[in-house]
């Protein structure tokens, strides 16, 4: 979202859509930050205590388990939503038909990936982390920004993930997590594993990439119109930046 805002997506249009969502427990802050020596846009979904999912808490994500019954961390009871409920939320939001269709497409990709991971029918999938308030806000914001930019082709040569383990609601999982691997298999994202310890690709990020990607190779001749830098929240050895480049084919 931050990289697309930096490319020129209308933040007022995005905020209008987010404010229309029939969900509570979050606010959005957009600012400029320095990340690995670069000035980047920061898009931050700030959750209230009830909806906090520890997504940016490095000790929670990678720390040692102190208590096997509770992972040594207090868990909040997140609202669980199925794909039908999420589609209804998106249907009632204030956004263009194109943005709405893209948001539904992203969540549908996620639903199929989670269904395969848990070996249940798609309609039986109930989202936890994915269906939490912050992910609904993330996906709607991404769909609105992408639609607002009027992009007709999206080139993603490959996606780089890390190694090791990550903690989620179901315990510790190997990176790439099952949902990311399932999205890669279904949509041929060219997932590349690096030596960076940590999760560089979340299921939400993989689903957004899969939903918008049309090509994997740059055209032979093109003009660079603008670049956008989006700042990540987690602290890993590699720079936590996503760079998007707006080009025009010659």
Protein backbone atom coordinates (compact mmCIF):
# COMPACT_ATOMS: atom_id res chain seq x y z
CA UNK A 1 0.00 0.00 0.00
CA UNK A 2 2.80 2.40 0.92
CA UNK A 3 4.65 1.82 -2.35
CA UNK A 4 1.49 2.51 -4.36
CA UNK A 5 0.75 5.65 -2.33
CA UNK A 6 4.31 6.75 -3.08
CA UNK A 7 3.62 6.15 -6.77
CA UNK A 8 0.78 8.65 -6.61
CA UNK A 9 -2.37 6.76 -5.59
CA UNK A 10 -4.94 9.14 -4.09
CA UNK A 11 -4.80 8.72 -0.30
CA UNK A 12 -8.14 10.49 0.18
CA UNK A 13 -9.87 7.96 -2.07
CA UNK A 14 -8.25 5.14 -0.10
CA UNK A 15 -9.13 6.61 3.30
CA UNK A 16 -12.72 7.14 2.18
CA UNK A 17 -12.98 3.44 1.35
CA UNK A 18 -11.40 2.38 4.65
CA UNK A 19 -13.69 4.67 6.65
CA UNK A 20 -16.71 3.05 4.98
CA UNK A 21 -15.78 -0.49 6.10
CA UNK A 22 -18.26 -2.06 8.49
CA UNK A 23 -15.47 -3.13 10.84
CA UNK A 24 -14.10 -1.47 13.95
CA UNK A 25 -10.90 -1.47 15.94
CA UNK A 26 -8.38 0.23 13.66
CA UNK A 27 -7.06 3.55 12.44
CA UNK A 28 -4.60 4.37 9.66
CA UNK A 29 -1.48 6.50 9.85
CA UNK A 30 0.45 7.52 6.71
CA UNK A 31 3.88 9.12 7.14
CA UNK A 32 7.45 9.34 5.80
CA UNK A 33 10.17 7.28 7.49
CA UNK A 34 13.82 6.45 6.92
CA UNK A 35 14.39 2.78 6.14
CA UNK A 36 17.90 1.45 5.42
CA UNK A 37 19.01 4.94 4.49
CA UNK A 38 16.07 5.54 2.14
CA UNK A 39 13.14 7.89 2.59
CA UNK A 40 10.02 5.78 2.21
CA UNK A 41 6.27 6.01 2.66
CA UNK A 42 4.87 4.21 5.70
CA UNK A 43 1.30 2.88 5.75
CA UNK A 44 0.43 1.73 9.25
CA UNK A 45 -2.80 0.08 10.37
CA UNK A 46 -2.97 0.75 14.10
CA UNK A 47 -5.15 -1.74 15.98
CA UNK A 48 -6.84 -1.42 19.32
CA UNK A 49 -5.95 -3.91 22.07
CA UNK A 50 -8.81 -6.28 21.22
CA UNK A 51 -7.68 -6.77 17.62
CA UNK A 52 -3.88 -6.68 18.01
CA UNK A 53 -2.31 -9.69 16.25
CA UNK A 54 1.39 -9.15 17.12
CA UNK A 55 2.27 -9.04 13.40
CA UNK A 56 5.08 -6.54 14.03
CA UNK A 57 6.22 -7.90 17.41
CA UNK A 58 9.57 -9.55 16.64
CA UNK A 59 9.82 -11.23 20.06
CA UNK A 60 6.41 -12.82 19.56
CA UNK A 61 7.08 -13.82 15.95
CA UNK A 62 10.48 -15.43 16.57
CA UNK A 63 10.91 -15.67 20.36
CA UNK A 64 11.34 -18.83 22.42
CA UNK A 65 8.20 -20.48 23.82
CA UNK A 66 8.01 -19.99 27.59
CA UNK A 67 4.64 -21.63 28.16
CA UNK A 68 3.50 -24.44 25.86
CA UNK A 69 -0.17 -23.82 26.62
CA UNK A 70 -0.10 -20.15 25.64
CA UNK A 71 3.17 -19.68 23.71
CA UNK A 72 4.24 -17.43 26.56
CA UNK A 73 2.02 -14.68 25.12
CA UNK A 74 -1.49 -13.61 25.90
CA UNK A 75 -3.73 -14.24 22.87
CA UNK A 76 -6.77 -12.12 22.18
CA UNK A 77 -9.86 -13.82 20.78
CA UNK A 78 -9.93 -12.59 17.20
CA UNK A 79 -13.11 -12.40 15.21
CA UNK A 80 -13.29 -15.27 12.74
CA UNK A 81 -14.84 -14.52 9.39
CA UNK A 82 -15.60 -16.72 6.41
CA UNK A 83 -15.27 -15.68 2.79
CA UNK A 84 -19.02 -14.98 2.58
CA UNK A 85 -18.90 -12.49 5.48
CA UNK A 86 -15.80 -10.81 4.07
CA UNK A 87 -17.37 -10.44 0.62
CA UNK A 88 -20.38 -8.79 2.26
CA UNK A 89 -18.12 -6.29 4.03
CA UNK A 90 -16.38 -5.47 0.74
CA UNK A 91 -19.70 -5.24 -1.12
CA UNK A 92 -20.91 -2.48 1.22
CA UNK A 93 -17.68 -0.46 1.17
CA UNK A 94 -17.36 2.81 -0.74
CA UNK A 95 -15.12 1.87 -3.67
CA UNK A 96 -15.23 1.52 -7.43
CA UNK A 97 -16.45 -1.73 -9.04
CA UNK A 98 -12.87 -2.43 -10.19
CA UNK A 99 -11.43 -2.03 -6.70
CA UNK A 100 -14.23 -4.13 -5.22
CA UNK A 101 -13.64 -6.95 -7.72
CA UNK A 102 -9.91 -6.91 -7.00
CA UNK A 103 -10.43 -7.04 -3.22
CA UNK A 104 -12.74 -10.04 -3.62
CA UNK A 105 -10.21 -11.70 -5.94
CA UNK A 106 -7.41 -11.29 -3.36
CA UNK A 107 -9.50 -12.79 -0.56
CA UNK A 108 -10.64 -15.64 -2.83
CA UNK A 109 -7.01 -16.52 -3.59
CA UNK A 110 -6.32 -16.53 0.15
CA UNK A 111 -9.36 -18.69 0.86
CA UNK A 112 -8.28 -21.36 -1.62
CA UNK A 113 -4.73 -21.36 -0.22
CA UNK A 114 -5.94 -21.72 3.36
CA UNK A 115 -8.47 -24.39 2.36
CA UNK A 116 -5.69 -26.46 0.80
CA UNK A 117 -3.44 -25.94 3.83
CA UNK A 118 -6.12 -27.18 6.24
CA UNK A 119 -7.76 -29.69 3.84
CA UNK A 120 -11.25 -28.22 4.15
CA UNK A 121 -13.73 -26.85 1.56
CA UNK A 122 -13.29 -23.17 0.71
CA UNK A 123 -16.68 -22.27 2.18
CA UNK A 124 -15.58 -23.83 5.51
CA UNK A 125 -12.45 -21.66 5.80
CA UNK A 126 -12.65 -19.22 8.69
CA UNK A 127 -9.94 -16.61 8.62
CA UNK A 128 -8.03 -15.71 11.75
CA UNK A 129 -4.93 -13.62 10.97
CA UNK A 130 -6.15 -13.18 7.38
CA UNK A 131 -9.70 -12.30 8.41
CA UNK A 132 -8.60 -9.98 11.20
CA UNK A 133 -9.38 -6.32 10.98
CA UNK A 134 -5.91 -5.25 9.86
CA UNK A 135 -5.83 -7.65 6.90
CA UNK A 136 -9.25 -6.50 5.69
CA UNK A 137 -7.96 -2.93 5.85
CA UNK A 138 -4.71 -3.92 4.10
CA UNK A 139 -6.41 -5.71 1.23
CA UNK A 140 -9.10 -3.08 0.65
CA UNK A 141 -6.45 -0.33 0.72
CA UNK A 142 -4.28 -2.24 -1.76
CA UNK A 143 -7.20 -2.85 -4.13
CA UNK A 144 -8.31 0.79 -4.00
CA UNK A 145 -4.78 2.14 -4.56
CA UNK A 146 -4.09 -0.23 -7.45
CA UNK A 147 -7.39 0.62 -9.11
CA UNK A 148 -6.79 4.34 -8.58
CA UNK A 149 -3.44 4.22 -10.37
CA UNK A 150 -5.09 2.82 -13.50
CA UNK A 151 -2.42 0.18 -14.10
CA UNK A 152 -3.09 -2.30 -16.92
CA UNK A 153 -0.04 -4.58 -16.55
CA UNK A 154 1.91 -5.67 -13.48
CA UNK A 155 5.33 -7.24 -13.87
CA UNK A 156 6.66 -9.32 -10.96
CA UNK A 157 9.75 -11.32 -12.00
CA UNK A 158 9.98 -13.27 -8.74
CA UNK A 159 9.15 -13.03 -5.05
CA UNK A 160 11.85 -13.49 -2.40
CA UNK A 161 11.04 -15.11 0.94
CA UNK A 162 13.26 -15.99 3.89
CA UNK A 163 13.92 -19.10 5.97
CA UNK A 164 13.44 -20.28 9.55
CA UNK A 165 10.17 -20.29 11.47
CA UNK A 166 7.38 -17.84 12.26
CA UNK A 167 4.75 -17.95 15.01
CA UNK A 168 1.08 -17.75 14.11
CA UNK A 169 -2.21 -18.72 15.73
CA UNK A 170 -1.54 -22.40 15.04
CA UNK A 171 1.99 -22.38 16.51
CA UNK A 172 5.41 -22.27 14.88
CA UNK A 173 5.48 -22.79 11.10
CA UNK A 174 8.35 -23.12 8.67
CA UNK A 175 8.98 -20.26 6.24
CA UNK A 176 7.57 -20.08 3.58
CA UNK A 177 4.33 -20.83 5.42
CA UNK A 178 1.88 -23.30 3.80
CA UNK A 179 -0.53 -20.64 2.48
CA UNK A 180 2.30 -18.79 0.71
CA UNK A 181 3.56 -22.03 -0.85
CA UNK A 182 0.03 -22.89 -2.00
CA UNK A 183 -0.41 -19.48 -3.63
CA UNK A 184 2.96 -19.86 -5.35
CA UNK A 185 1.99 -23.30 -6.69
CA UNK A 186 -1.40 -22.12 -7.92
CA UNK A 187 -0.28 -18.83 -9.48
CA UNK A 188 3.37 -19.45 -10.42
CA UNK A 189 4.85 -16.52 -8.48
CA UNK A 190 8.43 -17.78 -8.90
CA UNK A 191 8.96 -17.92 -5.13
CA UNK A 192 12.67 -17.67 -4.38
CA UNK A 193 14.03 -18.68 -0.97
CA UNK A 194 16.85 -16.52 0.37
CA UNK A 195 19.16 -16.97 3.36
CA UNK A 196 17.46 -14.18 5.33
CA UNK A 197 16.14 -15.47 8.66
CA UNK A 198 12.49 -14.49 8.77
CA UNK A 199 9.24 -14.22 6.83
CA UNK A 200 9.57 -11.80 3.92
CA UNK A 201 6.30 -12.84 2.24
CA UNK A 202 3.03 -13.08 4.16
CA UNK A 203 -0.04 -14.88 2.76
CA UNK A 204 -1.73 -11.50 2.32
CA UNK A 205 1.24 -10.14 0.37
CA UNK A 206 1.45 -13.25 -1.80
CA UNK A 207 -2.28 -13.07 -2.55
CA UNK A 208 -2.06 -9.40 -3.56
CA UNK A 209 0.86 -10.20 -5.86
CA UNK A 210 -0.96 -13.16 -7.39
CA UNK A 211 -4.11 -11.10 -7.98
CA UNK A 212 -2.41 -8.23 -9.81
CA UNK A 213 0.48 -9.96 -11.61
CA UNK A 214 0.16 -10.23 -15.40
CA UNK A 215 3.78 -10.63 -16.56
CA UNK A 216 7.17 -11.73 -15.24
CA UNK A 217 9.45 -10.02 -17.77
CA UNK A 218 9.98 -6.33 -18.48
CA UNK A 219 9.32 -5.09 -22.03
CA UNK A 220 12.35 -4.59 -24.25
CA UNK A 221 12.01 -0.80 -24.24
CA UNK A 222 10.29 1.34 -21.65
CA UNK A 223 10.40 4.71 -19.91
CA UNK A 224 10.46 4.95 -16.10
CA UNK A 225 7.77 7.41 -15.02
CA UNK A 226 7.99 7.19 -11.25
CA UNK A 227 9.25 5.01 -8.40
CA UNK A 228 7.60 4.38 -5.05
CA UNK A 229 9.18 3.09 -1.84
CA UNK A 230 7.05 1.42 0.83
CA UNK A 231 8.46 0.78 4.31
CA UNK A 232 7.97 -2.57 6.03
CA UNK A 233 7.52 -2.98 9.80
CA UNK A 234 9.67 -5.99 10.67
CA UNK A 235 13.41 -5.78 11.32
CA UNK A 236 15.42 -8.32 9.30
CA UNK A 237 18.94 -8.27 7.87
CA UNK A 238 17.74 -7.23 4.44
CA UNK A 239 16.27 -3.75 3.84
CA UNK A 240 12.58 -3.75 4.75
CA UNK A 241 11.47 -1.93 1.60
CA UNK A 242 9.14 -2.70 -1.27
CA UNK A 243 9.95 -0.74 -4.42
CA UNK A 244 7.34 -0.27 -7.13
CA UNK A 245 8.20 1.30 -10.48
CA UNK A 246 5.67 2.85 -12.80
CA UNK A 247 6.78 2.44 -16.42
CA UNK A 248 5.47 3.21 -19.89
CA UNK A 249 6.22 0.79 -22.68
CA UNK A 250 7.91 2.39 -25.72
